[in-house]
PDB file of N, CA and C in Angstrom:
ATOM      1  N   MET A   1     267.744 -57.126 115.286  1.00  0.00           N
ATOM      2  CA  MET A   1     267.143 -56.998 116.317  1.00  0.00           C
ATOM      3  C   MET A   1     265.720 -56.606 116.155  1.00  0.00           C
ATOM      4  N   SER A   2     264.850 -57.601 117.067  1.00  0.00           N
ATOM      5  CA  SER A   2     263.408 -57.229 116.769  1.00  0.00           C
ATOM      6  C   SER A   2     262.860 -55.941 117.572  1.00  0.00           C
ATOM      7  N   LEU A   3     261.673 -55.548 117.292  1.00  0.00           N
ATOM      8  CA  LEU A   3     261.344 -54.392 118.019  1.00  0.00           C
ATOM      9  C   LEU A   3     261.009 -54.470 119.301  1.00  0.00           C
ATOM     10  N   GLY A   4     260.782 -55.617 120.132  1.00  0.00           N
ATOM     11  CA  GLY A   4     260.746 -55.942 121.390  1.00  0.00           C
ATOM     12  C   GLY A   4     262.181 -55.496 122.185  1.00  0.00           C
ATOM     13  N   GLU A   5     263.284 -55.923 121.354  1.00  0.00           N
ATOM     14  CA  GLU A   5     264.459 -55.674 121.844  1.00  0.00           C
ATOM     15  C   GLU A   5     264.990 -54.043 121.949  1.00  0.00           C
ATOM     16  N   TRP A   6     264.417 -53.419 120.967  1.00  0.00           N
ATOM     17  CA  TRP A   6     264.708 -52.057 120.778  1.00  0.00           C
ATOM     18  C   TRP A   6     264.067 -51.328 121.885  1.00  0.00           C
ATOM     19  N   VAL A   7     262.718 -51.632 122.158  1.00  0.00           N
ATOM     20  CA  VAL A   7     262.310 -51.066 123.494  1.00  0.00           C
ATOM     21  C   VAL A   7     263.031 -51.031 124.597  1.00  0.00           C
ATOM     22  N   PHE A   8     263.597 -52.196 124.957  1.00  0.00           N
ATOM     23  CA  PHE A   8     264.744 -52.271 126.191  1.00  0.00           C
ATOM     24  C   PHE A   8     265.827 -51.065 125.945  1.00  0.00           C
ATOM     25  N   VAL A   9     266.219 -51.180 124.659  1.00  0.00           N
ATOM     26  CA  VAL A   9     267.397 -50.177 124.379  1.00  0.00           C
ATOM     27  C   VAL A   9     266.920 -48.741 124.550  1.00  0.00           C
ATOM     28  N   GLY A  10     265.679 -48.712 124.261  1.00  0.00           N
ATOM     29  CA  GLY A  10     265.173 -47.322 124.304  1.00  0.00           C
ATOM     30  C   GLY A  10     264.785 -46.824 125.900  1.00  0.00           C
ATOM     31  N   ILE A  11     264.337 -47.753 126.492  1.00  0.00           N
ATOM     32  CA  ILE A  11     264.097 -47.673 127.982  1.00  0.00           C
ATOM     33  C   ILE A  11     265.565 -47.317 128.557  1.00  0.00           C
ATOM     34  N   PHE A  12     266.534 -48.023 128.404  1.00  0.00           N
ATOM     35  CA  PHE A  12     267.956 -47.897 128.916  1.00  0.00           C
ATOM     36  C   PHE A  12     268.483 -46.410 128.507  1.00  0.00           C
ATOM     37  N   VAL A  13     268.276 -46.200 127.328  1.00  0.00           N
ATOM     38  CA  VAL A  13     268.843 -44.686 126.925  1.00  0.00           C
ATOM     39  C   VAL A  13     268.031 -43.636 127.578  1.00  0.00           C
ATOM     40  N   ALA A  14     266.616 -43.840 127.918  1.00  0.00           N
ATOM     41  CA  ALA A  14     265.894 -42.701 128.528  1.00  0.00           C
ATOM     42  C   ALA A  14     266.220 -42.844 130.058  1.00  0.00           C
ATOM     43  N   ILE A  15     266.490 -43.868 130.551  1.00  0.00           N
ATOM     44  CA  ILE A  15     267.029 -44.009 131.942  1.00  0.00           C
ATOM     45  C   ILE A  15     268.395 -43.271 132.150  1.00  0.00           C
ATOM     46  N   ALA A  16     269.216 -43.390 131.102  1.00  0.00           N
ATOM     47  CA  ALA A  16     270.589 -42.963 131.219  1.00  0.00           C
ATOM     48  C   ALA A  16     270.507 -41.388 130.939  1.00  0.00           C
ATOM     49  N   TRP A  17     269.645 -40.850 130.457  1.00  0.00           N
ATOM     50  CA  TRP A  17     269.390 -39.325 130.269  1.00  0.00           C
ATOM     51  C   TRP A  17     268.623 -38.759 131.510  1.00  0.00           C
ATOM     52  N   ILE A  18     267.625 -39.271 131.859  1.00  0.00           N
ATOM     53  CA  ILE A  18     266.980 -38.908 132.972  1.00  0.00           C
ATOM     54  C   ILE A  18     267.562 -38.772 134.180  1.00  0.00           C
ATOM     55  N   PHE A  19     268.303 -40.137 134.625  1.00  0.00           N
ATOM     56  CA  PHE A  19     269.171 -40.318 135.820  1.00  0.00           C
ATOM     57  C   PHE A  19     269.985 -39.265 136.444  1.00  0.00           C
ATOM     58  N   PRO A  20     270.790 -38.574 135.537  1.00  0.00           N
ATOM     59  CA  PRO A  20     271.605 -37.661 135.920  1.00  0.00           C
ATOM     60  C   PRO A  20     270.993 -36.124 135.585  1.00  0.00           C
ATOM     61  N   ALA A  21     270.042 -36.097 134.729  1.00  0.00           N
ATOM     62  CA  ALA A  21     269.235 -34.859 134.441  1.00  0.00           C
ATOM     63  C   ALA A  21     268.251 -34.372 135.748  1.00  0.00           C
ATOM     64  N   VAL A  22     267.910 -35.310 136.531  1.00  0.00           N
ATOM     65  CA  VAL A  22     266.817 -35.018 137.296  1.00  0.00           C
ATOM     66  C   VAL A  22     267.591 -34.279 138.549  1.00  0.00           C
ATOM     67  N   PRO A  23     268.511 -34.785 139.022  1.00  0.00           N
ATOM     68  CA  PRO A  23     269.325 -34.079 140.204  1.00  0.00           C
ATOM     69  C   PRO A  23     269.961 -32.719 139.662  1.00  0.00           C
ATOM     70  N   ILE A  24     270.110 -32.452 138.426  1.00  0.00           N
ATOM     71  CA  ILE A  24     270.870 -31.322 137.855  1.00  0.00           C
ATOM     72  C   ILE A  24     269.766 -30.192 137.887  1.00  0.00           C
ATOM     73  N   ILE A  25     268.628 -30.686 137.169  1.00  0.00           N
ATOM     74  CA  ILE A  25     267.486 -29.641 137.232  1.00  0.00           C
ATOM     75  C   ILE A  25     267.097 -29.423 138.690  1.00  0.00           C
ATOM     76  N   LEU A  26     266.829 -30.244 139.495  1.00  0.00           N
ATOM     77  CA  LEU A  26     266.396 -30.131 140.868  1.00  0.00           C
ATOM     78  C   LEU A  26     267.366 -29.071 141.727  1.00  0.00           C
ATOM     79  N   GLY A  27     268.620 -29.302 141.356  1.00  0.00           N
ATOM     80  CA  GLY A  27     269.663 -28.318 142.134  1.00  0.00           C
ATOM     81  C   GLY A  27     269.520 -26.993 141.539  1.00  0.00           C
ATOM     82  N   LYS A  28     269.511 -26.932 140.374  1.00  0.00           N
ATOM     83  CA  LYS A  28     269.215 -25.565 139.608  1.00  0.00           C
ATOM     84  C   LYS A  28     268.023 -24.760 140.115  1.00  0.00           C
ATOM     85  N   ARG A  29     266.775 -25.684 140.187  1.00  0.00           N
ATOM     86  CA  ARG A  29     265.498 -24.969 140.688  1.00  0.00           C
ATOM     87  C   ARG A  29     265.333 -24.708 142.240  1.00  0.00           C
ATOM     88  N   LEU A  30     266.010 -25.609 142.831  1.00  0.00           N
ATOM     89  CA  LEU A  30     265.761 -25.550 144.260  1.00  0.00           C
ATOM     90  C   LEU A  30     266.697 -24.944 145.034  1.00  0.00           C
ATOM     91  N   GLY A  31     267.980 -24.732 144.673  1.00  0.00           N
ATOM     92  CA  GLY A  31     269.167 -24.271 145.271  1.00  0.00           C
ATOM     93  C   GLY A  31     268.932 -22.783 145.455  1.00  0.00           C
ATOM     94  N   PRO A  32     269.654 -22.200 146.409  1.00  0.00           N
ATOM     95  CA  PRO A  32     269.588 -20.806 146.741  1.00  0.00           C
ATOM     96  C   PRO A  32     270.294 -20.026 145.549  1.00  0.00           C
ATOM     97  N   LYS A  33     269.741 -18.871 145.687  1.00  0.00           N
ATOM     98  CA  LYS A  33     270.372 -17.892 144.375  1.00  0.00           C
ATOM     99  C   LYS A  33     270.507 -16.354 144.916  1.00  0.00           C
ATOM    100  N   ARG A  34     271.634 -16.368 145.859  1.00  0.00           N
ATOM    101  CA  ARG A  34     271.749 -15.101 146.601  1.00  0.00           C
ATOM    102  C   ARG A  34     273.141 -14.680 146.367  1.00  0.00           C
ATOM    103  N   PRO A  35     273.548 -14.321 145.064  1.00  0.00           N
ATOM    104  CA  PRO A  35     274.842 -14.041 144.879  1.00  0.00           C
ATOM    105  C   PRO A  35     275.427 -12.586 145.327  1.00  0.00           C
ATOM    106  N   ASN A  36     276.632 -12.685 145.860  1.00  0.00           N
ATOM    107  CA  ASN A  36     277.285 -11.426 146.370  1.00  0.00           C
ATOM    108  C   ASN A  36     278.605 -11.382 146.171  1.00  0.00           C
ATOM    109  N   PRO A  37     279.422 -10.233 146.365  1.00  0.00           N
ATOM    110  CA  PRO A  37     280.784 -10.222 146.087  1.00  0.00           C
ATOM    111  C   PRO A  37     281.768 -11.263 146.720  1.00  0.00           C
ATOM    112  N   VAL A  38     281.399 -11.503 147.742  1.00  0.00           N
ATOM    113  CA  VAL A  38     282.182 -12.470 148.657  1.00  0.00           C
ATOM    114  C   VAL A  38     282.107 -13.770 148.111  1.00  0.00           C
ATOM    115  N   LYS A  39     280.882 -14.177 147.512  1.00  0.00           N
ATOM    116  CA  LYS A  39     280.645 -15.667 147.056  1.00  0.00           C
ATOM    117  C   LYS A  39     281.464 -15.551 145.557  1.00  0.00           C
ATOM    118  N   GLN A  40     281.598 -14.424 144.910  1.00  0.00           N
ATOM    119  CA  GLN A  40     282.046 -14.512 143.561  1.00  0.00           C
ATOM    120  C   GLN A  40     283.763 -14.565 143.585  1.00  0.00           C
ATOM    121  N   GLN A  41     284.301 -14.119 144.734  1.00  0.00           N
ATOM    122  CA  GLN A  41     285.708 -14.071 144.821  1.00  0.00           C
ATOM    123  C   GLN A  41     286.268 -15.578 144.742  1.00  0.00           C
ATOM    124  N   THR A  42     287.536 -15.687 144.195  1.00  0.00           N
ATOM    125  CA  THR A  42     288.355 -16.738 143.989  1.00  0.00           C
ATOM    126  C   THR A  42     289.305 -16.792 145.088  1.00  0.00           C
ATOM    127  N   TYR A  43     289.242 -18.157 145.687  1.00  0.00           N
ATOM    128  CA  TYR A  43     289.906 -18.484 146.947  1.00  0.00           C
ATOM    129  C   TYR A  43     290.504 -19.819 146.653  1.00  0.00           C
ATOM    130  N   GLU A  44     291.533 -20.061 147.549  1.00  0.00           N
ATOM    131  CA  GLU A  44     291.991 -21.564 147.701  1.00  0.00           C
ATOM    132  C   GLU A  44     292.399 -21.857 148.965  1.00  0.00           C
ATOM    133  N   CYS A  45     291.650 -22.914 149.397  1.00  0.00           N
ATOM    134  CA  CYS A  45     291.897 -23.527 150.846  1.00  0.00           C
ATOM    135  C   CYS A  45     291.274 -22.400 151.984  1.00  0.00           C
ATOM    136  N   GLY A  46     290.243 -21.796 151.346  1.00  0.00           N
ATOM    137  CA  GLY A  46     289.477 -20.822 152.331  1.00  0.00           C
ATOM    138  C   GLY A  46     290.202 -19.502 152.497  1.00  0.00           C
ATOM    139  N   ILE A  47     291.281 -19.233 151.586  1.00  0.00           N
ATOM    140  CA  ILE A  47     292.149 -18.023 151.782  1.00  0.00           C
ATOM    141  C   ILE A  47     291.956 -17.396 150.412  1.00  0.00           C
ATOM    142  N   GLU A  48     291.861 -16.118 150.521  1.00  0.00           N
ATOM    143  CA  GLU A  48     292.015 -15.178 149.200  1.00  0.00           C
ATOM    144  C   GLU A  48     293.120 -15.473 148.543  1.00  0.00           C
ATOM    145  N   THR A  49     293.269 -15.362 147.294  1.00  0.00           N
ATOM    146  CA  THR A  49     294.479 -15.247 146.519  1.00  0.00           C
ATOM    147  C   THR A  49     295.153 -13.915 146.461  1.00  0.00           C
ATOM    148  N   THR A  50     296.318 -13.888 146.594  1.00  0.00           N
ATOM    149  CA  THR A  50     297.124 -12.572 146.508  1.00  0.00           C
ATOM    150  C   THR A  50     298.212 -12.758 145.498  1.00  0.00           C
ATOM    151  N   GLY A  51     298.313 -11.610 144.606  1.00  0.00           N
ATOM    152  CA  GLY A  51     299.457 -11.625 143.815  1.00  0.00           C
ATOM    153  C   GLY A  51     298.819 -12.364 142.490  1.00  0.00           C
ATOM    154  N   ASN A  52     299.882 -12.869 141.820  1.00  0.00           N
ATOM    155  CA  ASN A  52     299.471 -13.488 140.513  1.00  0.00           C
ATOM    156  C   ASN A  52     298.970 -14.799 140.715  1.00  0.00           C
ATOM    157  N   THR A  53     297.922 -15.251 140.438  1.00  0.00           N
ATOM    158  CA  THR A  53     297.405 -16.383 140.675  1.00  0.00           C
ATOM    159  C   THR A  53     297.462 -17.621 139.558  1.00  0.00           C
ATOM    160  N   TRP A  54     298.048 -17.132 138.505  1.00  0.00           N
ATOM    161  CA  TRP A  54     298.215 -17.882 137.218  1.00  0.00           C
ATOM    162  C   TRP A  54     299.379 -18.859 137.578  1.00  0.00           C
ATOM    163  N   VAL A  55     299.314 -20.223 137.516  1.00  0.00           N
ATOM    164  CA  VAL A  55     300.365 -21.305 137.647  1.00  0.00           C
ATOM    165  C   VAL A  55     300.550 -21.900 136.372  1.00  0.00           C
ATOM    166  N   GLN A  56     301.819 -21.826 135.940  1.00  0.00           N
ATOM    167  CA  GLN A  56     302.249 -22.628 134.638  1.00  0.00           C
ATOM    168  C   GLN A  56     302.061 -24.122 134.891  1.00  0.00           C
ATOM    169  N   PHE A  57     301.046 -24.891 134.059  1.00  0.00           N
ATOM    170  CA  PHE A  57     300.947 -26.203 134.013  1.00  0.00           C
ATOM    171  C   PHE A  57     301.889 -26.853 133.083  1.00  0.00           C
ATOM    172  N   ARG A  58     302.648 -27.813 133.475  1.00  0.00           N
ATOM    173  CA  ARG A  58     303.678 -28.696 132.487  1.00  0.00           C
ATOM    174  C   ARG A  58     302.903 -29.475 131.424  1.00  0.00           C
ATOM    175  N   ALA A  59     303.055 -29.358 130.314  1.00  0.00           N
ATOM    176  CA  ALA A  59     302.228 -30.088 129.400  1.00  0.00           C
ATOM    177  C   ALA A  59     302.796 -31.556 129.222  1.00  0.00           C
ATOM    178  N   GLN A  60     303.811 -31.902 129.875  1.00  0.00           N
ATOM    179  CA  GLN A  60     304.297 -33.302 130.111  1.00  0.00           C
ATOM    180  C   GLN A  60     303.327 -34.067 130.680  1.00  0.00           C
ATOM    181  N   TYR A  61     302.591 -33.498 131.870  1.00  0.00           N
ATOM    182  CA  TYR A  61     301.671 -34.544 132.374  1.00  0.00           C
ATOM    183  C   TYR A  61     300.411 -34.513 131.524  1.00  0.00           C
ATOM    184  N   TYR A  62     300.221 -33.633 130.590  1.00  0.00           N
ATOM    185  CA  TYR A  62     298.992 -33.692 130.068  1.00  0.00           C
ATOM    186  C   TYR A  62     299.243 -34.752 128.789  1.00  0.00           C
ATOM    187  N   ILE A  63     300.522 -34.985 128.301  1.00  0.00           N
ATOM    188  CA  ILE A  63     300.764 -35.925 127.440  1.00  0.00           C
ATOM    189  C   ILE A  63     300.891 -37.172 128.001  1.00  0.00           C
ATOM    190  N   PHE A  64     301.358 -37.416 129.154  1.00  0.00           N
ATOM    191  CA  PHE A  64     301.532 -38.557 129.696  1.00  0.00           C
ATOM    192  C   PHE A  64     299.948 -39.062 130.139  1.00  0.00           C
ATOM    193  N   ALA A  65     299.053 -38.173 130.396  1.00  0.00           N
ATOM    194  CA  ALA A  65     297.663 -38.588 130.637  1.00  0.00           C
ATOM    195  C   ALA A  65     297.025 -39.204 129.367  1.00  0.00           C
ATOM    196  N   LEU A  66     297.399 -38.261 128.258  1.00  0.00           N
ATOM    197  CA  LEU A  66     296.898 -38.850 126.849  1.00  0.00           C
ATOM    198  C   LEU A  66     297.225 -40.222 126.543  1.00  0.00           C
ATOM    199  N   VAL A  67     298.465 -40.403 126.674  1.00  0.00           N
ATOM    200  CA  VAL A  67     298.828 -41.893 126.564  1.00  0.00           C
ATOM    201  C   VAL A  67     298.328 -42.896 127.318  1.00  0.00           C
ATOM    202  N   PHE A  68     298.017 -42.453 128.543  1.00  0.00           N
ATOM    203  CA  PHE A  68     297.359 -43.475 129.470  1.00  0.00           C
ATOM    204  C   PHE A  68     296.190 -43.753 128.925  1.00  0.00           C
ATOM    205  N   VAL A  69     295.162 -42.654 128.612  1.00  0.00           N
ATOM    206  CA  VAL A  69     293.782 -42.658 128.088  1.00  0.00           C
ATOM    207  C   VAL A  69     293.764 -43.576 126.834  1.00  0.00           C
ATOM    208  N   LEU A  70     294.852 -43.571 125.919  1.00  0.00           N
ATOM    209  CA  LEU A  70     295.056 -44.317 124.846  1.00  0.00           C
ATOM    210  C   LEU A  70     295.088 -45.679 125.088  1.00  0.00           C
ATOM    211  N   PHE A  71     295.893 -46.145 125.911  1.00  0.00           N
ATOM    212  CA  PHE A  71     295.996 -47.754 126.223  1.00  0.00           C
ATOM    213  C   PHE A  71     295.014 -48.172 127.119  1.00  0.00           C
ATOM    214  N   ASP A  72     294.310 -47.319 127.837  1.00  0.00           N
ATOM    215  CA  ASP A  72     293.213 -47.602 128.798  1.00  0.00           C
ATOM    216  C   ASP A  72     291.982 -47.987 127.909  1.00  0.00           C
ATOM    217  N   VAL A  73     291.653 -47.039 126.864  1.00  0.00           N
ATOM    218  CA  VAL A  73     290.705 -47.339 126.011  1.00  0.00           C
ATOM    219  C   VAL A  73     290.754 -48.594 125.298  1.00  0.00           C
ATOM    220  N   GLU A  74     291.858 -48.959 124.765  1.00  0.00           N
ATOM    221  CA  GLU A  74     292.071 -50.035 124.031  1.00  0.00           C
ATOM    222  C   GLU A  74     291.740 -51.422 124.772  1.00  0.00           C
ATOM    223  N   LEU A  75     291.370 -51.255 126.024  1.00  0.00           N
ATOM    224  CA  LEU A  75     291.077 -52.279 126.916  1.00  0.00           C
ATOM    225  C   LEU A  75     289.551 -52.583 126.450  1.00  0.00           C
ATOM    226  N   VAL A  76     288.794 -51.544 126.220  1.00  0.00           N
ATOM    227  CA  VAL A  76     287.340 -51.605 125.911  1.00  0.00           C
ATOM    228  C   VAL A  76     287.261 -52.310 124.497  1.00  0.00           C
ATOM    229  N   PHE A  77     288.308 -52.576 123.855  1.00  0.00           N
ATOM    230  CA  PHE A  77     288.244 -53.224 122.386  1.00  0.00           C
ATOM    231  C   PHE A  77     288.605 -54.785 122.816  1.00  0.00           C
ATOM    232  N   LEU A  78     289.541 -54.899 123.737  1.00  0.00           N
ATOM    233  CA  LEU A  78     290.156 -56.281 123.904  1.00  0.00           C
ATOM    234  C   LEU A  78     289.510 -57.100 124.682  1.00  0.00           C
ATOM    235  N   PHE A  79     288.710 -56.616 125.773  1.00  0.00           N
ATOM    236  CA  PHE A  79     287.675 -57.609 126.591  1.00  0.00           C
ATOM    237  C   PHE A  79     286.845 -58.186 125.633  1.00  0.00           C
ATOM    238  N   PRO A  80     285.832 -57.480 124.909  1.00  0.00           N
ATOM    239  CA  PRO A  80     284.818 -58.115 124.274  1.00  0.00           C
ATOM    240  C   PRO A  80     285.525 -59.216 123.280  1.00  0.00           C
ATOM    241  N   TRP A  81     286.602 -58.744 122.532  1.00  0.00           N
ATOM    242  CA  TRP A  81     287.288 -59.672 121.495  1.00  0.00           C
ATOM    243  C   TRP A  81     287.667 -61.069 122.353  1.00  0.00           C
ATOM    244  N   ALA A  82     288.302 -60.657 123.513  1.00  0.00           N
ATOM    245  CA  ALA A  82     288.786 -61.990 124.285  1.00  0.00           C
ATOM    246  C   ALA A  82     287.788 -62.825 124.616  1.00  0.00           C
ATOM    247  N   LEU A  83     286.775 -62.319 124.882  1.00  0.00           N
ATOM    248  CA  LEU A  83     285.390 -63.268 125.423  1.00  0.00           C
ATOM    249  C   LEU A  83     284.914 -63.992 124.386  1.00  0.00           C
ATOM    250  N   ALA A  84     284.872 -63.183 123.124  1.00  0.00           N
ATOM    251  CA  ALA A  84     284.355 -64.055 122.023  1.00  0.00           C
ATOM    252  C   ALA A  84     285.188 -64.397 120.783  1.00  0.00           C
ATOM    253  N   TYR A  85     286.552 -64.760 121.346  1.00  0.00           N
ATOM    254  CA  TYR A  85     287.607 -65.238 120.632  1.00  0.00           C
ATOM    255  C   TYR A  85     287.208 -66.645 119.804  1.00  0.00           C
ATOM    256  N   ASN A  86     286.620 -67.600 120.538  1.00  0.00           N
ATOM    257  CA  ASN A  86     286.451 -68.690 119.911  1.00  0.00           C
ATOM    258  C   ASN A  86     285.414 -68.644 118.628  1.00  0.00           C
ATOM    259  N   GLN A  87     284.241 -67.727 119.062  1.00  0.00           N
ATOM    260  CA  GLN A  87     283.089 -67.629 117.893  1.00  0.00           C
ATOM    261  C   GLN A  87     283.636 -66.833 116.777  1.00  0.00           C
ATOM    262  N   LEU A  88     284.873 -65.871 116.828  1.00  0.00           N
ATOM    263  CA  LEU A  88     284.886 -65.041 115.926  1.00  0.00           C
ATOM    264  C   LEU A  88     285.840 -65.600 114.767  1.00  0.00           C
ATOM    265  N   GLY A  89     286.774 -66.260 114.974  1.00  0.00           N
ATOM    266  CA  GLY A  89     287.586 -66.800 114.017  1.00  0.00           C
ATOM    267  C   GLY A  89     288.892 -66.047 113.492  1.00  0.00           C
ATOM    268  N   LEU A  90     289.311 -66.575 112.342  1.00  0.00           N
ATOM    269  CA  LEU A  90     290.625 -66.058 112.005  1.00  0.00           C
ATOM    270  C   LEU A  90     290.644 -64.665 111.547  1.00  0.00           C
ATOM    271  N   PHE A  91     289.674 -64.095 110.961  1.00  0.00           N
ATOM    272  CA  PHE A  91     289.487 -62.772 110.543  1.00  0.00           C
ATOM    273  C   PHE A  91     289.630 -61.857 111.658  1.00  0.00           C
ATOM    274  N   ALA A  92     288.813 -62.137 112.764  1.00  0.00           N
ATOM    275  CA  ALA A  92     288.951 -61.081 113.866  1.00  0.00           C
ATOM    276  C   ALA A  92     290.293 -61.062 114.517  1.00  0.00           C
ATOM    277  N   PHE A  93     291.022 -62.266 114.597  1.00  0.00           N
ATOM    278  CA  PHE A  93     292.226 -62.463 115.007  1.00  0.00           C
ATOM    279  C   PHE A  93     293.147 -61.529 114.459  1.00  0.00           C
ATOM    280  N   VAL A  94     293.002 -61.620 112.945  1.00  0.00           N
ATOM    281  CA  VAL A  94     294.000 -60.760 112.188  1.00  0.00           C
ATOM    282  C   VAL A  94     293.803 -59.210 112.320  1.00  0.00           C
ATOM    283  N   GLU A  95     292.478 -58.950 112.690  1.00  0.00           N
ATOM    284  CA  GLU A  95     292.076 -57.626 112.827  1.00  0.00           C
ATOM    285  C   GLU A  95     292.589 -57.098 114.009  1.00  0.00           C
ATOM    286  N   MET A  96     292.566 -58.024 115.317  1.00  0.00           N
ATOM    287  CA  MET A  96     292.931 -57.508 116.414  1.00  0.00           C
ATOM    288  C   MET A  96     294.528 -57.472 116.444  1.00  0.00           C
ATOM    289  N   ALA A  97     295.179 -58.515 115.747  1.00  0.00           N
ATOM    290  CA  ALA A  97     296.492 -58.367 115.663  1.00  0.00           C
ATOM    291  C   ALA A  97     297.057 -56.991 114.979  1.00  0.00           C
ATOM    292  N   ILE A  98     296.437 -56.602 114.009  1.00  0.00           N
ATOM    293  CA  ILE A  98     296.602 -55.147 113.281  1.00  0.00           C
ATOM    294  C   ILE A  98     296.443 -54.211 114.275  1.00  0.00           C
ATOM    295  N   PHE A  99     295.576 -54.283 115.157  1.00  0.00           N
ATOM    296  CA  PHE A  99     295.149 -53.208 115.969  1.00  0.00           C
ATOM    297  C   PHE A  99     296.090 -53.077 117.135  1.00  0.00           C
ATOM    298  N   ILE A 100     296.648 -54.314 117.687  1.00  0.00           N
ATOM    299  CA  ILE A 100     297.387 -54.372 118.733  1.00  0.00           C
ATOM    300  C   ILE A 100     298.953 -53.796 118.185  1.00  0.00           C
ATOM    301  N   LEU A 101     299.291 -54.408 116.812  1.00  0.00           N
ATOM    302  CA  LEU A 101     300.363 -53.567 116.365  1.00  0.00           C
ATOM    303  C   LEU A 101     300.383 -52.186 116.119  1.00  0.00           C
ATOM    304  N   LEU A 102     299.350 -51.516 115.911  1.00  0.00           N
ATOM    305  CA  LEU A 102     299.324 -50.050 115.611  1.00  0.00           C
ATOM    306  C   LEU A 102     299.324 -49.533 117.069  1.00  0.00           C
ATOM    307  N   LEU A 103     298.931 -50.075 118.225  1.00  0.00           N
ATOM    308  CA  LEU A 103     299.140 -49.683 119.650  1.00  0.00           C
ATOM    309  C   LEU A 103     300.772 -49.791 120.054  1.00  0.00           C
ATOM    310  N   VAL A 104     301.419 -50.861 119.549  1.00  0.00           N
ATOM    311  CA  VAL A 104     302.722 -51.005 119.889  1.00  0.00           C
ATOM    312  C   VAL A 104     303.484 -49.961 119.163  1.00  0.00           C
ATOM    313  N   VAL A 105     303.025 -49.668 117.870  1.00  0.00           N
ATOM    314  CA  VAL A 105     303.853 -48.462 117.092  1.00  0.00           C
ATOM    315  C   VAL A 105     303.628 -47.123 117.916  1.00  0.00           C
ATOM    316  N   ALA A 106     302.288 -46.792 118.359  1.00  0.00           N
ATOM    317  CA  ALA A 106     302.123 -45.794 119.095  1.00  0.00           C
ATOM    318  C   ALA A 106     302.868 -45.579 120.360  1.00  0.00           C
ATOM    319  N   LEU A 107     303.157 -46.849 120.862  1.00  0.00           N
ATOM    320  CA  LEU A 107     303.804 -46.944 122.227  1.00  0.00           C
ATOM    321  C   LEU A 107     305.262 -46.476 122.028  1.00  0.00           C
ATOM    322  N   VAL A 108     306.078 -47.182 120.988  1.00  0.00           N
ATOM    323  CA  VAL A 108     307.381 -46.730 120.741  1.00  0.00           C
ATOM    324  C   VAL A 108     307.418 -45.406 120.302  1.00  0.00           C
ATOM    325  N   TYR A 109     306.516 -44.855 119.456  1.00  0.00           N
ATOM    326  CA  TYR A 109     306.470 -43.428 119.143  1.00  0.00           C
ATOM    327  C   TYR A 109     306.456 -42.464 120.302  1.00  0.00           C
ATOM    328  N   ALA A 110     305.569 -42.722 121.062  1.00  0.00           N
ATOM    329  CA  ALA A 110     305.505 -41.951 122.523  1.00  0.00           C
ATOM    330  C   ALA A 110     306.734 -42.124 123.401  1.00  0.00           C
ATOM    331  N   TRP A 111     307.315 -43.393 123.257  1.00  0.00           N
ATOM    332  CA  TRP A 111     308.738 -43.669 123.988  1.00  0.00           C
ATOM    333  C   TRP A 111     309.585 -42.911 123.546  1.00  0.00           C
ATOM    334  N   ARG A 112     310.102 -42.824 122.321  1.00  0.00           N
ATOM    335  CA  ARG A 112     310.982 -42.136 121.548  1.00  0.00           C
ATOM    336  C   ARG A 112     310.871 -40.629 121.693  1.00  0.00           C
ATOM    337  N   LYS A 113     309.643 -40.237 121.603  1.00  0.00           N
ATOM    338  CA  LYS A 113     309.236 -38.601 121.791  1.00  0.00           C
ATOM    339  C   LYS A 113     309.807 -38.292 123.192  1.00  0.00           C
ATOM    340  N   GLY A 114     309.709 -39.257 124.160  1.00  0.00           N
ATOM    341  CA  GLY A 114     309.824 -38.920 125.662  1.00  0.00           C
ATOM    342  C   GLY A 114     308.624 -38.490 126.446  1.00  0.00           C
ATOM    343  N   ALA A 115     307.495 -38.883 125.923  1.00  0.00           N
ATOM    344  CA  ALA A 115     306.293 -38.817 126.700  1.00  0.00           C
ATOM    345  C   ALA A 115     306.024 -39.703 128.064  1.00  0.00           C
ATOM    346  N   LEU A 116     306.837 -40.927 127.895  1.00  0.00           N
ATOM    347  CA  LEU A 116     306.985 -41.624 129.040  1.00  0.00           C
ATOM    348  C   LEU A 116     307.936 -41.168 130.274  1.00  0.00           C
ATOM    349  N   GLU A 117     308.742 -40.357 129.863  1.00  0.00           N
ATOM    350  CA  GLU A 117     309.613 -39.811 130.866  1.00  0.00           C
ATOM    351  C   GLU A 117     308.979 -38.789 131.921  1.00  0.00           C
ATOM    352  N   TRP A 118     309.073 -39.234 133.035  1.00  0.00           N
ATOM    353  CA  TRP A 118     308.045 -38.358 134.124  1.00  0.00           C
ATOM    354  C   TRP A 118     308.831 -37.114 134.492  1.00  0.00           C
ATOM    355  N   VAL A 119     310.445 -37.258 134.543  1.00  0.00           N
ATOM    356  CA  VAL A 119     310.990 -36.133 134.989  1.00  0.00           C
ATOM    357  C   VAL A 119     311.707 -35.519 134.031  1.00  0.00           C
TER     358      VAL A 119
END
């Protein structure tokens, strides 16, 4: 890449950092800061919690979510490959075939371990 192209990349990165940082900083600087005991209490649906507020979370949902993320992220690799398939040639096809094979192995493993069983 030439230096002119890197300037655009730098501008894009700067905007990517500045765009979310400005509202966060403004909120911290301009927001009200009057803490009191009522504001610090934990509540749910506007009602104070009573008794034991700890609820056990089933790890099955967590594992199911991880499997979803795994197969959702693989699309990030498949879409660009599919768009550039004609220009990439046989080597890229073999690499993607190996990648998809690894994903199939991961899916079979998750299936056999019961990670895809909802109930």
